[in-house]
Amino acid sequence: MSEESRLRWQCRRGMRELDELLLDYLERRYPADGEADKAAFRALLELADPELNAYLLQQQTPNSEPIARVVERILSRNLP
């Protein structure tokens, strides 16, 4: 399985809105990201669903600065 296929699979979390946010980021921003942001996105996808949902629904802020930066970029879909 290629990295893209694996990441695409990990973006499917069973909550349509969150799936769309994650897949949009993967398709639009991930390819041009630097290695630090790519690593942070991969780490974000490794989180348990409740933690990931809390971050993307803005109920909690990640303690990790790189993950917090990626969450901010995911949530600001229309910004470059």
C-alpha atoms as a PDB file:
ATOM      1  CA  MET A   1       0.000   0.000   0.000  1.00  0.00           C
ATOM      2  CA  SER A   2       1.433   3.390  -0.979  1.00  0.00           C
ATOM      3  CA  GLU A   3       1.831   6.186   1.561  1.00  0.00           C
ATOM      4  CA  GLU A   4      -0.947   8.185  -0.131  1.00  0.00           C
ATOM      5  CA  SER A   5      -3.350   5.230   0.021  1.00  0.00           C
ATOM      6  CA  ARG A   6      -2.502   4.606   3.669  1.00  0.00           C
ATOM      7  CA  LEU A   7      -2.996   8.280   4.590  1.00  0.00           C
ATOM      8  CA  ARG A   8      -6.252   8.445   2.617  1.00  0.00           C
ATOM      9  CA  TRP A   9      -7.497   5.402   4.548  1.00  0.00           C
ATOM     10  CA  GLN A  10      -6.474   6.983   7.877  1.00  0.00           C
ATOM     11  CA  CYS A  11      -8.395  10.172   6.966  1.00  0.00           C
ATOM     12  CA  ARG A  12     -11.645   8.202   6.973  1.00  0.00           C
ATOM     13  CA  ARG A  13     -12.810   8.470  10.553  1.00  0.00           C
ATOM     14  CA  GLY A  14     -16.529   7.870  10.125  1.00  0.00           C
ATOM     15  CA  MET A  15     -17.669  11.433  10.664  1.00  0.00           C
ATOM     16  CA  ARG A  16     -18.362  12.995   7.278  1.00  0.00           C
ATOM     17  CA  GLU A  17     -17.369  16.569   8.150  1.00  0.00           C
ATOM     18  CA  LEU A  18     -14.080  15.497   9.683  1.00  0.00           C
ATOM     19  CA  ASP A  19     -13.350  13.094   6.842  1.00  0.00           C
ATOM     20  CA  GLU A  20     -13.825  15.965   4.389  1.00  0.00           C
ATOM     21  CA  LEU A  21     -11.524  18.269   6.372  1.00  0.00           C
ATOM     22  CA  LEU A  22      -8.770  15.659   6.548  1.00  0.00           C
ATOM     23  CA  LEU A  23      -9.064  14.558   2.917  1.00  0.00           C
ATOM     24  CA  ASP A  24      -9.123  18.167   1.715  1.00  0.00           C
ATOM     25  CA  TYR A  25      -5.891  18.842   3.592  1.00  0.00           C
ATOM     26  CA  LEU A  26      -4.313  15.652   2.272  1.00  0.00           C
ATOM     27  CA  GLU A  27      -5.169  16.531  -1.321  1.00  0.00           C
ATOM     28  CA  ARG A  28      -4.588  20.290  -1.308  1.00  0.00           C
ATOM     29  CA  ARG A  29      -1.833  21.007   1.185  1.00  0.00           C
ATOM     30  CA  TYR A  30       0.019  17.847   2.162  1.00  0.00           C
ATOM     31  CA  PRO A  31       1.901  17.436  -1.142  1.00  0.00           C
ATOM     32  CA  ALA A  32       3.507  20.895  -0.833  1.00  0.00           C
ATOM     33  CA  ASP A  33       4.132  20.713   2.932  1.00  0.00           C
ATOM     34  CA  GLY A  34       7.582  20.572   4.404  1.00  0.00           C
ATOM     35  CA  GLU A  35       8.668  17.385   6.131  1.00  0.00           C
ATOM     36  CA  ALA A  36       7.880  18.775   9.616  1.00  0.00           C
ATOM     37  CA  ASP A  37       4.254  19.493   8.698  1.00  0.00           C
ATOM     38  CA  LYS A  38       3.931  16.152   6.922  1.00  0.00           C
ATOM     39  CA  ALA A  39       5.215  14.390  10.043  1.00  0.00           C
ATOM     40  CA  ALA A  40       2.777  16.382  12.218  1.00  0.00           C
ATOM     41  CA  PHE A  41      -0.148  15.438   9.941  1.00  0.00           C
ATOM     42  CA  ARG A  42       0.837  11.763  10.090  1.00  0.00           C
ATOM     43  CA  ALA A  43       1.073  12.029  13.899  1.00  0.00           C
ATOM     44  CA  LEU A  44      -2.370  13.672  13.984  1.00  0.00           C
ATOM     45  CA  LEU A  45      -3.832  10.748  12.050  1.00  0.00           C
ATOM     46  CA  GLU A  46      -2.364   8.321  14.597  1.00  0.00           C
ATOM     47  CA  LEU A  47      -4.394   9.878  17.432  1.00  0.00           C
ATOM     48  CA  ALA A  48      -7.456   8.170  18.854  1.00  0.00           C
ATOM     49  CA  ASP A  49     -10.758   9.354  17.385  1.00  0.00           C
ATOM     50  CA  PRO A  50     -11.968  11.205  20.519  1.00  0.00           C
ATOM     51  CA  GLU A  51      -8.746  13.232  20.720  1.00  0.00           C
ATOM     52  CA  LEU A  52      -8.670  13.963  16.985  1.00  0.00           C
ATOM     53  CA  ASN A  53     -12.339  14.978  17.023  1.00  0.00           C
ATOM     54  CA  ALA A  54     -11.794  17.302  19.998  1.00  0.00           C
ATOM     55  CA  TYR A  55      -8.987  19.083  18.131  1.00  0.00           C
ATOM     56  CA  LEU A  56     -10.849  19.421  14.835  1.00  0.00           C
ATOM     57  CA  LEU A  57     -14.077  20.476  16.551  1.00  0.00           C
ATOM     58  CA  GLN A  58     -12.049  23.068  18.497  1.00  0.00           C
ATOM     59  CA  GLN A  59     -12.993  21.637  21.875  1.00  0.00           C
ATOM     60  CA  GLN A  60      -9.330  21.192  22.839  1.00  0.00           C
ATOM     61  CA  THR A  61      -5.991  22.577  21.702  1.00  0.00           C
ATOM     62  CA  PRO A  62      -3.134  20.166  20.981  1.00  0.00           C
ATOM     63  CA  ASN A  63      -0.171  20.374  23.367  1.00  0.00           C
ATOM     64  CA  SER A  64       2.186  19.674  20.470  1.00  0.00           C
ATOM     65  CA  GLU A  65       3.023  22.865  18.568  1.00  0.00           C
ATOM     66  CA  PRO A  66       3.534  21.056  15.217  1.00  0.00           C
ATOM     67  CA  ILE A  67       0.182  19.268  15.543  1.00  0.00           C
ATOM     68  CA  ALA A  68      -1.514  22.514  16.633  1.00  0.00           C
ATOM     69  CA  ARG A  69      -0.106  24.227  13.522  1.00  0.00           C
ATOM     70  CA  VAL A  70      -1.451  21.490  11.236  1.00  0.00           C
ATOM     71  CA  VAL A  71      -4.863  21.556  12.960  1.00  0.00           C
ATOM     72  CA  GLU A  72      -4.985  25.316  12.398  1.00  0.00           C
ATOM     73  CA  ARG A  73      -4.129  24.829   8.723  1.00  0.00           C
ATOM     74  CA  ILE A  74      -6.773  22.106   8.366  1.00  0.00           C
ATOM     75  CA  LEU A  75      -9.423  24.361   9.887  1.00  0.00           C
ATOM     76  CA  SER A  76      -8.456  27.341   7.726  1.00  0.00           C
ATOM     77  CA  ARG A  77      -9.247  25.520   4.488  1.00  0.00           C
ATOM     78  CA  ASN A  78      -9.429  28.604   2.298  1.00  0.00           C
ATOM     79  CA  LEU A  79      -6.063  30.052   3.263  1.00  0.00           C
ATOM     80  CA  PRO A  80      -2.880  29.215   1.350  1.00  0.00           C
END
